[in-house]
Amino acid sequence: MSFDRSKKPTWRPGYRYQYEPAQKGHVLLYPEGMIKLNDSAALIGGLIDGERDVAAIIAELGQQFPGVPELGDDIEQFMEVARAEHWITLA
């Protein structure tokens, strides 16, 4: 099954993406705790705004990091994990 890049990711209610100085990085806060995001996930997370679709996120990061052939696949994998973990919805 192929990933639908036209879907728009949105953080689920109760989840908040932000920079956390104490963690020296971006985190995802939720009622039960916090998830520290690695640099790649933080870059993707920063573009999740409910307006951009996955294709637009891939295009934007592709401009920042030209010549990374697996970039689209990596972003799709993040979206799949984030959806499976209930961090985001894809509509």
PDB file of N, CA and C in Angstrom:
ATOM      1  N   MET A   1       0.849  -1.174   0.000  1.00  0.00           N
ATOM      2  CA  MET A   1       0.000   0.000   0.000  1.00  0.00           C
ATOM      3  C   MET A   1       0.893   1.236   0.000  1.00  0.00           C
ATOM      4  N   SER A   2       0.632   2.149  -0.896  1.00  0.00           N
ATOM      5  CA  SER A   2       1.463   3.343  -0.958  1.00  0.00           C
ATOM      6  C   SER A   2       0.913   4.428  -0.033  1.00  0.00           C
ATOM      7  N   PHE A   3       1.798   5.285   0.401  1.00  0.00           N
ATOM      8  CA  PHE A   3       1.450   6.362   1.322  1.00  0.00           C
ATOM      9  C   PHE A   3       0.817   7.499   0.532  1.00  0.00           C
ATOM     10  N   ASP A   4      -0.255   8.071   1.052  1.00  0.00           N
ATOM     11  CA  ASP A   4      -0.953   9.169   0.386  1.00  0.00           C
ATOM     12  C   ASP A   4      -0.353  10.496   0.840  1.00  0.00           C
ATOM     13  N   ARG A   5       0.475  11.079  -0.026  1.00  0.00           N
ATOM     14  CA  ARG A   5       1.165  12.325   0.318  1.00  0.00           C
ATOM     15  C   ARG A   5       0.258  13.550   0.257  1.00  0.00           C
ATOM     16  N   SER A   6      -0.993  13.383  -0.155  1.00  0.00           N
ATOM     17  CA  SER A   6      -1.906  14.528  -0.199  1.00  0.00           C
ATOM     18  C   SER A   6      -2.594  14.763   1.149  1.00  0.00           C
ATOM     19  N   LYS A   7      -2.367  13.863   2.095  1.00  0.00           N
ATOM     20  CA  LYS A   7      -2.990  14.015   3.418  1.00  0.00           C
ATOM     21  C   LYS A   7      -2.261  15.082   4.235  1.00  0.00           C
ATOM     22  N   LYS A   8      -3.042  15.793   5.060  1.00  0.00           N
ATOM     23  CA  LYS A   8      -2.496  16.863   5.897  1.00  0.00           C
ATOM     24  C   LYS A   8      -2.375  16.390   7.339  1.00  0.00           C
ATOM     25  N   PRO A   9      -1.143  16.325   7.857  1.00  0.00           N
ATOM     26  CA  PRO A   9      -0.977  15.930   9.253  1.00  0.00           C
ATOM     27  C   PRO A   9      -1.320  17.076  10.197  1.00  0.00           C
ATOM     28  N   THR A  10      -1.926  16.729  11.313  1.00  0.00           N
ATOM     29  CA  THR A  10      -2.280  17.679  12.366  1.00  0.00           C
ATOM     30  C   THR A  10      -1.957  17.028  13.699  1.00  0.00           C
ATOM     31  N   TRP A  11      -1.384  17.803  14.614  1.00  0.00           N
ATOM     32  CA  TRP A  11      -1.156  17.260  15.956  1.00  0.00           C
ATOM     33  C   TRP A  11      -2.500  16.955  16.593  1.00  0.00           C
ATOM     34  N   ARG A  12      -2.584  15.841  17.273  1.00  0.00           N
ATOM     35  CA  ARG A  12      -3.838  15.469  17.940  1.00  0.00           C
ATOM     36  C   ARG A  12      -4.103  16.410  19.111  1.00  0.00           C
ATOM     37  N   PRO A  13      -5.375  16.592  19.476  1.00  0.00           N
ATOM     38  CA  PRO A  13      -5.692  17.423  20.646  1.00  0.00           C
ATOM     39  C   PRO A  13      -4.926  16.932  21.872  1.00  0.00           C
ATOM     40  N   GLY A  14      -4.355  17.862  22.615  1.00  0.00           N
ATOM     41  CA  GLY A  14      -3.597  17.500  23.800  1.00  0.00           C
ATOM     42  C   GLY A  14      -2.109  17.359  23.550  1.00  0.00           C
ATOM     43  N   TYR A  15      -1.696  17.338  22.284  1.00  0.00           N
ATOM     44  CA  TYR A  15      -0.277  17.229  21.947  1.00  0.00           C
ATOM     45  C   TYR A  15       0.230  18.596  21.509  1.00  0.00           C
ATOM     46  N   ARG A  16       1.391  18.989  22.040  1.00  0.00           N
ATOM     47  CA  ARG A  16       1.947  20.286  21.688  1.00  0.00           C
ATOM     48  C   ARG A  16       3.423  20.133  21.356  1.00  0.00           C
ATOM     49  N   TYR A  17       3.786  20.594  20.174  1.00  0.00           N
ATOM     50  CA  TYR A  17       5.170  20.582  19.697  1.00  0.00           C
ATOM     51  C   TYR A  17       5.817  21.889  20.121  1.00  0.00           C
ATOM     52  N   GLN A  18       6.983  21.821  20.763  1.00  0.00           N
ATOM     53  CA  GLN A  18       7.655  23.056  21.147  1.00  0.00           C
ATOM     54  C   GLN A  18       9.127  22.804  21.420  1.00  0.00           C
ATOM     55  N   TYR A  19       9.898  23.903  21.438  1.00  0.00           N
ATOM     56  CA  TYR A  19      11.305  23.823  21.833  1.00  0.00           C
ATOM     57  C   TYR A  19      11.368  23.855  23.359  1.00  0.00           C
ATOM     58  N   GLU A  20      12.148  22.976  23.933  1.00  0.00           N
ATOM     59  CA  GLU A  20      12.271  22.886  25.383  1.00  0.00           C
ATOM     60  C   GLU A  20      13.738  23.108  25.763  1.00  0.00           C
ATOM     61  N   PRO A  21      14.061  24.303  26.264  1.00  0.00           N
ATOM     62  CA  PRO A  21      15.466  24.598  26.587  1.00  0.00           C
ATOM     63  C   PRO A  21      16.106  23.576  27.521  1.00  0.00           C
ATOM     64  N   ALA A  22      15.367  23.089  28.500  1.00  0.00           N
ATOM     65  CA  ALA A  22      15.930  22.116  29.441  1.00  0.00           C
ATOM     66  C   ALA A  22      16.353  20.828  28.733  1.00  0.00           C
ATOM     67  N   GLN A  23      15.666  20.503  27.641  1.00  0.00           N
ATOM     68  CA  GLN A  23      15.992  19.300  26.872  1.00  0.00           C
ATOM     69  C   GLN A  23      16.973  19.597  25.739  1.00  0.00           C
ATOM     70  N   LYS A  24      17.254  20.879  25.529  1.00  0.00           N
ATOM     71  CA  LYS A  24      18.120  21.327  24.430  1.00  0.00           C
ATOM     72  C   LYS A  24      17.616  20.794  23.090  1.00  0.00           C
ATOM     73  N   GLY A  25      16.309  20.811  22.931  1.00  0.00           N
ATOM     74  CA  GLY A  25      15.744  20.325  21.678  1.00  0.00           C
ATOM     75  C   GLY A  25      14.237  20.428  21.667  1.00  0.00           C
ATOM     76  N   HIS A  26      13.656  19.999  20.561  1.00  0.00           N
ATOM     77  CA  HIS A  26      12.208  20.022  20.406  1.00  0.00           C
ATOM     78  C   HIS A  26      11.591  18.785  21.043  1.00  0.00           C
ATOM     79  N   VAL A  27      10.429  18.995  21.620  1.00  0.00           N
ATOM     80  CA  VAL A  27       9.716  17.913  22.284  1.00  0.00           C
ATOM     81  C   VAL A  27       8.255  17.942  21.861  1.00  0.00           C
ATOM     82  N   LEU A  28       7.598  16.855  22.126  1.00  0.00           N
ATOM     83  CA  LEU A  28       6.164  16.751  21.950  1.00  0.00           C
ATOM     84  C   LEU A  28       5.585  16.529  23.338  1.00  0.00           C
ATOM     85  N   LEU A  29       4.854  17.530  23.824  1.00  0.00           N
ATOM     86  CA  LEU A  29       4.243  17.434  25.147  1.00  0.00           C
ATOM     87  C   LEU A  29       2.840  16.872  25.018  1.00  0.00           C
ATOM     88  N   TYR A  30       2.450  16.043  25.978  1.00  0.00           N
ATOM     89  CA  TYR A  30       1.096  15.501  26.009  1.00  0.00           C
ATOM     90  C   TYR A  30       0.749  15.265  27.472  1.00  0.00           C
ATOM     91  N   PRO A  31      -0.522  15.056  27.781  1.00  0.00           N
ATOM     92  CA  PRO A  31      -0.924  15.008  29.196  1.00  0.00           C
ATOM     93  C   PRO A  31      -0.139  14.012  30.050  1.00  0.00           C
ATOM     94  N   GLU A  32       0.254  12.884  29.488  1.00  0.00           N
ATOM     95  CA  GLU A  32       0.935  11.861  30.277  1.00  0.00           C
ATOM     96  C   GLU A  32       2.444  12.042  30.314  1.00  0.00           C
ATOM     97  N   GLY A  33       2.992  12.991  29.557  1.00  0.00           N
ATOM     98  CA  GLY A  33       4.440  13.121  29.562  1.00  0.00           C
ATOM     99  C   GLY A  33       4.989  13.938  28.418  1.00  0.00           C
ATOM    100  N   MET A  34       6.183  13.527  27.968  1.00  0.00           N
ATOM    101  CA  MET A  34       6.909  14.271  26.956  1.00  0.00           C
ATOM    102  C   MET A  34       7.741  13.309  26.123  1.00  0.00           C
ATOM    103  N   ILE A  35       7.852  13.615  24.839  1.00  0.00           N
ATOM    104  CA  ILE A  35       8.688  12.841  23.935  1.00  0.00           C
ATOM    105  C   ILE A  35       9.747  13.791  23.394  1.00  0.00           C
ATOM    106  N   LYS A  36      11.023  13.463  23.563  1.00  0.00           N
ATOM    107  CA  LYS A  36      12.093  14.272  22.983  1.00  0.00           C
ATOM    108  C   LYS A  36      12.302  13.801  21.559  1.00  0.00           C
ATOM    109  N   LEU A  37      12.226  14.740  20.625  1.00  0.00           N
ATOM    110  CA  LEU A  37      12.358  14.414  19.210  1.00  0.00           C
ATOM    111  C   LEU A  37      13.808  14.546  18.770  1.00  0.00           C
ATOM    112  N   ASN A  38      14.247  13.639  17.899  1.00  0.00           N
ATOM    113  CA  ASN A  38      15.584  13.800  17.341  1.00  0.00           C
ATOM    114  C   ASN A  38      15.557  14.940  16.318  1.00  0.00           C
ATOM    115  N   ASP A  39      16.706  15.314  15.807  1.00  0.00           N
ATOM    116  CA  ASP A  39      16.776  16.481  14.919  1.00  0.00           C
ATOM    117  C   ASP A  39      15.897  16.332  13.686  1.00  0.00           C
ATOM    118  N   SER A  40      15.903  15.154  13.081  1.00  0.00           N
ATOM    119  CA  SER A  40      15.087  14.934  11.885  1.00  0.00           C
ATOM    120  C   SER A  40      13.602  15.059  12.190  1.00  0.00           C
ATOM    121  N   ALA A  41      13.175  14.423  13.269  1.00  0.00           N
ATOM    122  CA  ALA A  41      11.766  14.483  13.652  1.00  0.00           C
ATOM    123  C   ALA A  41      11.367  15.917  14.007  1.00  0.00           C
ATOM    124  N   ALA A  42      12.287  16.665  14.621  1.00  0.00           N
ATOM    125  CA  ALA A  42      11.990  18.053  14.982  1.00  0.00           C
ATOM    126  C   ALA A  42      11.787  18.907  13.742  1.00  0.00           C
ATOM    127  N   LEU A  43      12.581  18.670  12.702  1.00  0.00           N
ATOM    128  CA  LEU A  43      12.418  19.429  11.457  1.00  0.00           C
ATOM    129  C   LEU A  43      11.062  19.135  10.820  1.00  0.00           C
ATOM    130  N   ILE A  44      10.692  17.875  10.805  1.00  0.00           N
ATOM    131  CA  ILE A  44       9.393  17.489  10.242  1.00  0.00           C
ATOM    132  C   ILE A  44       8.272  18.055  11.110  1.00  0.00           C
ATOM    133  N   GLY A  45       8.389  17.882  12.421  1.00  0.00           N
ATOM    134  CA  GLY A  45       7.362  18.345  13.350  1.00  0.00           C
ATOM    135  C   GLY A  45       7.110  19.840  13.239  1.00  0.00           C
ATOM    136  N   GLY A  46       8.172  20.590  12.982  1.00  0.00           N
ATOM    137  CA  GLY A  46       8.026  22.030  12.851  1.00  0.00           C
ATOM    138  C   GLY A  46       7.201  22.457  11.667  1.00  0.00           C
ATOM    139  N   LEU A  47       7.005  21.549  10.719  1.00  0.00           N
ATOM    140  CA  LEU A  47       6.221  21.864   9.527  1.00  0.00           C
ATOM    141  C   LEU A  47       4.794  21.328   9.601  1.00  0.00           C
ATOM    142  N   ILE A  48       4.467  20.608  10.661  1.00  0.00           N
ATOM    143  CA  ILE A  48       3.101  20.093  10.827  1.00  0.00           C
ATOM    144  C   ILE A  48       2.243  21.219  11.383  1.00  0.00           C
ATOM    145  N   ASP A  49       1.384  21.742  10.527  1.00  0.00           N
ATOM    146  CA  ASP A  49       0.565  22.893  10.926  1.00  0.00           C
ATOM    147  C   ASP A  49      -0.905  22.748  10.555  1.00  0.00           C
ATOM    148  N   GLY A  50      -1.270  21.585  10.015  1.00  0.00           N
ATOM    149  CA  GLY A  50      -2.658  21.380   9.617  1.00  0.00           C
ATOM    150  C   GLY A  50      -2.998  21.992   8.273  1.00  0.00           C
ATOM    151  N   GLU A  51      -2.066  22.752   7.707  1.00  0.00           N
ATOM    152  CA  GLU A  51      -2.275  23.389   6.401  1.00  0.00           C
ATOM    153  C   GLU A  51      -1.498  22.671   5.304  1.00  0.00           C
ATOM    154  N   ARG A  52      -0.251  22.325   5.608  1.00  0.00           N
ATOM    155  CA  ARG A  52       0.593  21.657   4.611  1.00  0.00           C
ATOM    156  C   ARG A  52       0.242  20.181   4.528  1.00  0.00           C
ATOM    157  N   ASP A  53       0.237  19.659   3.306  1.00  0.00           N
ATOM    158  CA  ASP A  53       0.105  18.213   3.165  1.00  0.00           C
ATOM    159  C   ASP A  53       1.506  17.593   3.207  1.00  0.00           C
ATOM    160  N   VAL A  54       1.552  16.285   3.236  1.00  0.00           N
ATOM    161  CA  VAL A  54       2.833  15.592   3.352  1.00  0.00           C
ATOM    162  C   VAL A  54       3.733  15.927   2.166  1.00  0.00           C
ATOM    163  N   ALA A  55       3.165  16.038   0.973  1.00  0.00           N
ATOM    164  CA  ALA A  55       3.963  16.379  -0.207  1.00  0.00           C
ATOM    165  C   ALA A  55       4.632  17.746  -0.040  1.00  0.00           C
ATOM    166  N   ALA A  56       3.914  18.720   0.538  1.00  0.00           N
ATOM    167  CA  ALA A  56       4.483  20.055   0.756  1.00  0.00           C
ATOM    168  C   ALA A  56       5.601  20.011   1.789  1.00  0.00           C
ATOM    169  N   ILE A  57       5.435  19.195   2.822  1.00  0.00           N
ATOM    170  CA  ILE A  57       6.487  19.045   3.829  1.00  0.00           C
ATOM    171  C   ILE A  57       7.727  18.429   3.193  1.00  0.00           C
ATOM    172  N   ILE A  58       7.534  17.417   2.358  1.00  0.00           N
ATOM    173  CA  ILE A  58       8.662  16.788   1.663  1.00  0.00           C
ATOM    174  C   ILE A  58       9.347  17.807   0.756  1.00  0.00           C
ATOM    175  N   ALA A  59       8.557  18.606   0.023  1.00  0.00           N
ATOM    176  CA  ALA A  59       9.126  19.595  -0.886  1.00  0.00           C
ATOM    177  C   ALA A  59       9.928  20.649  -0.117  1.00  0.00           C
ATOM    178  N   GLU A  60       9.388  21.121   0.995  1.00  0.00           N
ATOM    179  CA  GLU A  60      10.070  22.150   1.772  1.00  0.00           C
ATOM    180  C   GLU A  60      11.392  21.635   2.341  1.00  0.00           C
ATOM    181  N   LEU A  61      11.368  20.436   2.906  1.00  0.00           N
ATOM    182  CA  LEU A  61      12.611  19.874   3.441  1.00  0.00           C
ATOM    183  C   LEU A  61      13.572  19.496   2.324  1.00  0.00           C
ATOM    184  N   GLY A  62      13.031  19.156   1.164  1.00  0.00           N
ATOM    185  CA  GLY A  62      13.879  18.858   0.010  1.00  0.00           C
ATOM    186  C   GLY A  62      14.655  20.079  -0.454  1.00  0.00           C
ATOM    187  N   GLN A  63      14.070  21.269  -0.293  1.00  0.00           N
ATOM    188  CA  GLN A  63      14.790  22.500  -0.626  1.00  0.00           C
ATOM    189  C   GLN A  63      15.888  22.782   0.387  1.00  0.00           C
ATOM    190  N   GLN A  64      15.623  22.484   1.657  1.00  0.00           N
ATOM    191  CA  GLN A  64      16.626  22.707   2.701  1.00  0.00           C
ATOM    192  C   GLN A  64      17.760  21.700   2.628  1.00  0.00           C
ATOM    193  N   PHE A  65      17.437  20.479   2.179  1.00  0.00           N
ATOM    194  CA  PHE A  65      18.420  19.398   2.131  1.00  0.00           C
ATOM    195  C   PHE A  65      18.411  18.750   0.744  1.00  0.00           C
ATOM    196  N   PRO A  66      18.922  19.470  -0.257  1.00  0.00           N
ATOM    197  CA  PRO A  66      18.909  18.915  -1.619  1.00  0.00           C
ATOM    198  C   PRO A  66      19.824  17.697  -1.738  1.00  0.00           C
ATOM    199  N   GLY A  67      19.442  16.807  -2.622  1.00  0.00           N
ATOM    200  CA  GLY A  67      20.287  15.651  -2.900  1.00  0.00           C
ATOM    201  C   GLY A  67      20.198  14.534  -1.885  1.00  0.00           C
ATOM    202  N   VAL A  68      19.129  14.505  -1.090  1.00  0.00           N
ATOM    203  CA  VAL A  68      18.930  13.394  -0.148  1.00  0.00           C
ATOM    204  C   VAL A  68      17.847  12.500  -0.755  1.00  0.00           C
ATOM    205  N   PRO A  69      18.259  11.419  -1.430  1.00  0.00           N
ATOM    206  CA  PRO A  69      17.284  10.635  -2.202  1.00  0.00           C
ATOM    207  C   PRO A  69      16.184   9.977  -1.371  1.00  0.00           C
ATOM    208  N   GLU A  70      16.479   9.582  -0.134  1.00  0.00           N
ATOM    209  CA  GLU A  70      15.477   8.877   0.669  1.00  0.00           C
ATOM    210  C   GLU A  70      14.659   9.817   1.541  1.00  0.00           C
ATOM    211  N   LEU A  71      14.772  11.124   1.342  1.00  0.00           N
ATOM    212  CA  LEU A  71      14.084  12.097   2.182  1.00  0.00           C
ATOM    213  C   LEU A  71      12.574  11.850   2.241  1.00  0.00           C
ATOM    214  N   GLY A  72      11.941  11.682   1.093  1.00  0.00           N
ATOM    215  CA  GLY A  72      10.499  11.446   1.058  1.00  0.00           C
ATOM    216  C   GLY A  72      10.102  10.190   1.818  1.00  0.00           C
ATOM    217  N   ASP A  73      10.883   9.128   1.657  1.00  0.00           N
ATOM    218  CA  ASP A  73      10.597   7.872   2.367  1.00  0.00           C
ATOM    219  C   ASP A  73      10.739   8.057   3.874  1.00  0.00           C
ATOM    220  N   ASP A  74      11.780   8.797   4.277  1.00  0.00           N
ATOM    221  CA  ASP A  74      11.994   9.031   5.707  1.00  0.00           C
ATOM    222  C   ASP A  74      10.835   9.815   6.315  1.00  0.00           C
ATOM    223  N   ILE A  75      10.345  10.815   5.593  1.00  0.00           N
ATOM    224  CA  ILE A  75       9.227  11.621   6.091  1.00  0.00           C
ATOM    225  C   ILE A  75       7.958  10.775   6.159  1.00  0.00           C
ATOM    226  N   GLU A  76       7.729   9.942   5.154  1.00  0.00           N
ATOM    227  CA  GLU A  76       6.580   9.036   5.190  1.00  0.00           C
ATOM    228  C   GLU A  76       6.677   8.110   6.408  1.00  0.00           C
ATOM    229  N   GLN A  77       7.870   7.594   6.685  1.00  0.00           N
ATOM    230  CA  GLN A  77       8.040   6.699   7.839  1.00  0.00           C
ATOM    231  C   GLN A  77       7.736   7.433   9.132  1.00  0.00           C
ATOM    232  N   PHE A  78       8.201   8.697   9.253  1.00  0.00           N
ATOM    233  CA  PHE A  78       7.883   9.476  10.451  1.00  0.00           C
ATOM    234  C   PHE A  78       6.373   9.615  10.593  1.00  0.00           C
ATOM    235  N   MET A  79       5.690   9.935   9.496  1.00  0.00           N
ATOM    236  CA  MET A  79       4.238  10.123   9.549  1.00  0.00           C
ATOM    237  C   MET A  79       3.540   8.842   9.988  1.00  0.00           C
ATOM    238  N   GLU A  80       3.999   7.708   9.475  1.00  0.00           N
ATOM    239  CA  GLU A  80       3.396   6.420   9.849  1.00  0.00           C
ATOM    240  C   GLU A  80       3.587   6.132  11.332  1.00  0.00           C
ATOM    241  N   VAL A  81       4.796   6.373  11.847  1.00  0.00           N
ATOM    242  CA  VAL A  81       5.065   6.146  13.266  1.00  0.00           C
ATOM    243  C   VAL A  81       4.242   7.111  14.106  1.00  0.00           C
ATOM    244  N   ALA A  82       4.235   8.390  13.714  1.00  0.00           N
ATOM    245  CA  ALA A  82       3.496   9.400  14.476  1.00  0.00           C
ATOM    246  C   ALA A  82       2.004   9.076  14.514  1.00  0.00           C
ATOM    247  N   ARG A  83       1.480   8.581  13.403  1.00  0.00           N
ATOM    248  CA  ARG A  83       0.060   8.195  13.381  1.00  0.00           C
ATOM    249  C   ARG A  83      -0.170   6.955  14.248  1.00  0.00           C
ATOM    250  N   ALA A  84       0.722   5.972  14.150  1.00  0.00           N
ATOM    251  CA  ALA A  84       0.585   4.744  14.948  1.00  0.00           C
ATOM    252  C   ALA A  84       0.681   5.046  16.445  1.00  0.00           C
ATOM    253  N   GLU A  85       1.495   6.033  16.811  1.00  0.00           N
ATOM    254  CA  GLU A  85       1.663   6.412  18.216  1.00  0.00           C
ATOM    255  C   GLU A  85       0.572   7.389  18.670  1.00  0.00           C
ATOM    256  N   HIS A  86      -0.312   7.755  17.759  1.00  0.00           N
ATOM    257  CA  HIS A  86      -1.430   8.673  18.036  1.00  0.00           C
ATOM    258  C   HIS A  86      -0.970  10.099  18.339  1.00  0.00           C
ATOM    259  N   TRP A  87       0.179  10.515  17.761  1.00  0.00           N
ATOM    260  CA  TRP A  87       0.632  11.889  17.916  1.00  0.00           C
ATOM    261  C   TRP A  87      -0.094  12.803  16.939  1.00  0.00           C
ATOM    262  N   ILE A  88      -0.371  12.266  15.748  1.00  0.00           N
ATOM    263  CA  ILE A  88      -0.981  13.067  14.683  1.00  0.00           C
ATOM    264  C   ILE A  88      -2.201  12.362  14.109  1.00  0.00           C
ATOM    265  N   THR A  89      -2.988  13.143  13.398  1.00  0.00           N
ATOM    266  CA  THR A  89      -4.016  12.584  12.519  1.00  0.00           C
ATOM    267  C   THR A  89      -3.628  12.998  11.110  1.00  0.00           C
ATOM    268  N   LEU A  90      -3.996  12.170  10.149  1.00  0.00           N
ATOM    269  CA  LEU A  90      -3.766  12.463   8.739  1.00  0.00           C
ATOM    270  C   LEU A  90      -5.114  12.535   8.056  1.00  0.00           C
ATOM    271  N   ALA A  91      -5.468  13.711   7.570  1.00  0.00           N
ATOM    272  CA  ALA A  91      -6.781  13.886   6.943  1.00  0.00           C
ATOM    273  C   ALA A  91      -6.622  14.454   5.551  1.00  0.00           C
TER     274      ALA A  91
END
